[in-house]
Amino acid sequence: MTSLKPLNDYVLVRQSKEEIKSASWIITAPTSKEKPWKWEVIAMWEGKKSPDWKLVEIDNIKVGDVVYFTKYAPEEIEINGEKLLLIRVDSILAKEE
């Protein structure tokens, strides 16, 4: 686990270790050239600042959730040789229940 803590409305995600199935149930390898959309939240801040500088809790996403987002949303970083992504909460399209 990393000691990096994202600020404001960013979350830190890592690629899910699970196999990824497409809509037609074709299993794709996590090593394929296209970035998989299935990622696990590993760190996040308590909330984000509203326009009047009050803390607004992020209550719909938590550490451990598996989330989906557009491939253009994240900022890629590398920590201890592991590629991770920083993404804004507003860029998350869905999460698994």
C-alpha atoms as a PDB file:
ATOM      1  CA  MET A   1       0.000   0.000   0.000  1.00  0.00           C
ATOM      2  CA  THR A   2       1.183   3.476  -0.769  1.00  0.00           C
ATOM      3  CA  SER A   3       1.444   6.359   1.666  1.00  0.00           C
ATOM      4  CA  LEU A   4       0.263   8.809  -0.988  1.00  0.00           C
ATOM      5  CA  LYS A   5      -2.980  10.581  -0.011  1.00  0.00           C
ATOM      6  CA  PRO A   6      -4.805  12.391  -2.835  1.00  0.00           C
ATOM      7  CA  LEU A   7      -6.131  15.851  -2.067  1.00  0.00           C
ATOM      8  CA  ASN A   8      -9.493  17.493  -2.697  1.00  0.00           C
ATOM      9  CA  ASP A   9     -11.730  15.432  -4.967  1.00  0.00           C
ATOM     10  CA  TYR A  10      -9.055  13.101  -6.372  1.00  0.00           C
ATOM     11  CA  VAL A  11      -8.950   9.360  -5.760  1.00  0.00           C
ATOM     12  CA  LEU A  12      -5.991   7.035  -6.298  1.00  0.00           C
ATOM     13  CA  VAL A  13      -6.775   3.829  -8.180  1.00  0.00           C
ATOM     14  CA  ARG A  14      -4.913   0.718  -9.245  1.00  0.00           C
ATOM     15  CA  GLN A  15      -5.831  -1.754 -11.943  1.00  0.00           C
ATOM     16  CA  SER A  16      -8.176  -4.441 -10.675  1.00  0.00           C
ATOM     17  CA  LYS A  17      -6.565  -7.879 -10.593  1.00  0.00           C
ATOM     18  CA  GLU A  18      -9.765  -9.519 -11.859  1.00  0.00           C
ATOM     19  CA  GLU A  19     -10.311 -10.592 -15.431  1.00  0.00           C
ATOM     20  CA  ILE A  20     -12.242  -8.047 -17.421  1.00  0.00           C
ATOM     21  CA  LYS A  21     -15.234  -9.233 -19.428  1.00  0.00           C
ATOM     22  CA  SER A  22     -16.621  -7.228 -22.290  1.00  0.00           C
ATOM     23  CA  ALA A  23     -20.336  -6.876 -23.022  1.00  0.00           C
ATOM     24  CA  SER A  24     -20.115  -9.967 -25.221  1.00  0.00           C
ATOM     25  CA  TRP A  25     -18.414 -11.916 -22.378  1.00  0.00           C
ATOM     26  CA  ILE A  26     -15.033 -12.032 -24.083  1.00  0.00           C
ATOM     27  CA  ILE A  27     -12.312 -12.106 -21.435  1.00  0.00           C
ATOM     28  CA  THR A  28      -9.551  -9.596 -22.065  1.00  0.00           C
ATOM     29  CA  ALA A  29      -6.120  -9.791 -20.499  1.00  0.00           C
ATOM     30  CA  PRO A  30      -5.079  -6.986 -18.139  1.00  0.00           C
ATOM     31  CA  THR A  31      -1.916  -6.636 -20.234  1.00  0.00           C
ATOM     32  CA  SER A  32      -3.731  -5.649 -23.427  1.00  0.00           C
ATOM     33  CA  LYS A  33      -2.687  -2.356 -25.057  1.00  0.00           C
ATOM     34  CA  GLU A  34      -5.969  -0.587 -24.270  1.00  0.00           C
ATOM     35  CA  LYS A  35      -6.218   0.503 -20.632  1.00  0.00           C
ATOM     36  CA  PRO A  36      -8.892  -1.492 -18.819  1.00  0.00           C
ATOM     37  CA  TRP A  37     -11.680   0.573 -17.337  1.00  0.00           C
ATOM     38  CA  LYS A  38     -11.961  -1.522 -14.173  1.00  0.00           C
ATOM     39  CA  TRP A  39      -9.930  -0.015 -11.327  1.00  0.00           C
ATOM     40  CA  GLU A  40      -9.907  -0.310  -7.521  1.00  0.00           C
ATOM     41  CA  VAL A  41      -9.883   2.768  -5.263  1.00  0.00           C
ATOM     42  CA  ILE A  42      -6.871   2.510  -2.921  1.00  0.00           C
ATOM     43  CA  ALA A  43      -6.749   6.008  -1.376  1.00  0.00           C
ATOM     44  CA  MET A  44      -8.814   9.176  -1.229  1.00  0.00           C
ATOM     45  CA  TRP A  45      -9.347  12.376   0.712  1.00  0.00           C
ATOM     46  CA  GLU A  46     -12.307  12.866   3.064  1.00  0.00           C
ATOM     47  CA  GLY A  47     -14.070  15.248   0.711  1.00  0.00           C
ATOM     48  CA  LYS A  48     -13.813  18.195  -1.606  1.00  0.00           C
ATOM     49  CA  LYS A  49     -14.163  21.934  -1.147  1.00  0.00           C
ATOM     50  CA  SER A  50     -17.412  23.599  -2.137  1.00  0.00           C
ATOM     51  CA  PRO A  51     -17.385  27.078  -3.740  1.00  0.00           C
ATOM     52  CA  ASP A  52     -17.812  28.585  -0.247  1.00  0.00           C
ATOM     53  CA  TRP A  53     -14.813  26.519   1.030  1.00  0.00           C
ATOM     54  CA  LYS A  54     -16.822  24.064   3.138  1.00  0.00           C
ATOM     55  CA  LEU A  55     -15.817  20.415   3.118  1.00  0.00           C
ATOM     56  CA  VAL A  56     -18.295  18.272   1.171  1.00  0.00           C
ATOM     57  CA  GLU A  57     -17.950  14.586   2.017  1.00  0.00           C
ATOM     58  CA  ILE A  58     -17.550  12.073  -0.788  1.00  0.00           C
ATOM     59  CA  ASP A  59     -20.126   9.543   0.344  1.00  0.00           C
ATOM     60  CA  ASN A  60     -20.720   7.490  -2.792  1.00  0.00           C
ATOM     61  CA  ILE A  61     -17.117   6.228  -3.278  1.00  0.00           C
ATOM     62  CA  LYS A  62     -14.854   4.572  -0.696  1.00  0.00           C
ATOM     63  CA  VAL A  63     -11.524   2.741  -0.561  1.00  0.00           C
ATOM     64  CA  GLY A  64     -11.947  -0.773  -1.967  1.00  0.00           C
ATOM     65  CA  ASP A  65     -14.663   0.145  -4.483  1.00  0.00           C
ATOM     66  CA  VAL A  66     -14.210  -0.992  -8.085  1.00  0.00           C
ATOM     67  CA  VAL A  67     -14.915   1.953 -10.382  1.00  0.00           C
ATOM     68  CA  TYR A  68     -15.225   2.710 -14.094  1.00  0.00           C
ATOM     69  CA  PHE A  69     -14.300   5.975 -15.826  1.00  0.00           C
ATOM     70  CA  THR A  70     -13.400   7.386 -19.213  1.00  0.00           C
ATOM     71  CA  LYS A  71      -9.919   6.633 -20.481  1.00  0.00           C
ATOM     72  CA  TYR A  72      -9.149  10.354 -20.893  1.00  0.00           C
ATOM     73  CA  ALA A  73      -9.880  11.295 -17.266  1.00  0.00           C
ATOM     74  CA  PRO A  74      -6.879  10.069 -15.219  1.00  0.00           C
ATOM     75  CA  GLU A  75      -3.376  11.317 -14.542  1.00  0.00           C
ATOM     76  CA  GLU A  76      -0.905   8.421 -14.573  1.00  0.00           C
ATOM     77  CA  ILE A  77       1.771   8.223 -11.853  1.00  0.00           C
ATOM     78  CA  GLU A  78       4.271   5.562 -10.827  1.00  0.00           C
ATOM     79  CA  ILE A  79       5.074   4.651  -7.216  1.00  0.00           C
ATOM     80  CA  ASN A  80       7.547   1.903  -6.337  1.00  0.00           C
ATOM     81  CA  GLY A  81       7.365   0.588  -9.897  1.00  0.00           C
ATOM     82  CA  GLU A  82       3.566   0.296  -9.846  1.00  0.00           C
ATOM     83  CA  LYS A  83       1.499   2.359 -12.281  1.00  0.00           C
ATOM     84  CA  LEU A  84      -1.389   4.091 -10.537  1.00  0.00           C
ATOM     85  CA  LEU A  85      -3.936   6.663 -11.643  1.00  0.00           C
ATOM     86  CA  LEU A  86      -5.197   9.840 -10.005  1.00  0.00           C
ATOM     87  CA  ILE A  87      -8.743  10.671 -11.048  1.00  0.00           C
ATOM     88  CA  ARG A  88     -11.360  13.219 -10.025  1.00  0.00           C
ATOM     89  CA  VAL A  89     -14.487  11.851  -8.350  1.00  0.00           C
ATOM     90  CA  ASP A  90     -16.625  13.654 -10.958  1.00  0.00           C
ATOM     91  CA  SER A  91     -14.933  11.592 -13.705  1.00  0.00           C
ATOM     92  CA  ILE A  92     -16.081   8.278 -12.213  1.00  0.00           C
ATOM     93  CA  LEU A  93     -18.987   6.968 -14.272  1.00  0.00           C
ATOM     94  CA  ALA A  94     -20.020   3.932 -12.208  1.00  0.00           C
ATOM     95  CA  LYS A  95     -19.018   1.578  -9.416  1.00  0.00           C
ATOM     96  CA  GLU A  96     -19.692  -2.095  -8.794  1.00  0.00           C
ATOM     97  CA  GLU A  97     -22.170  -2.933  -6.077  1.00  0.00           C
END
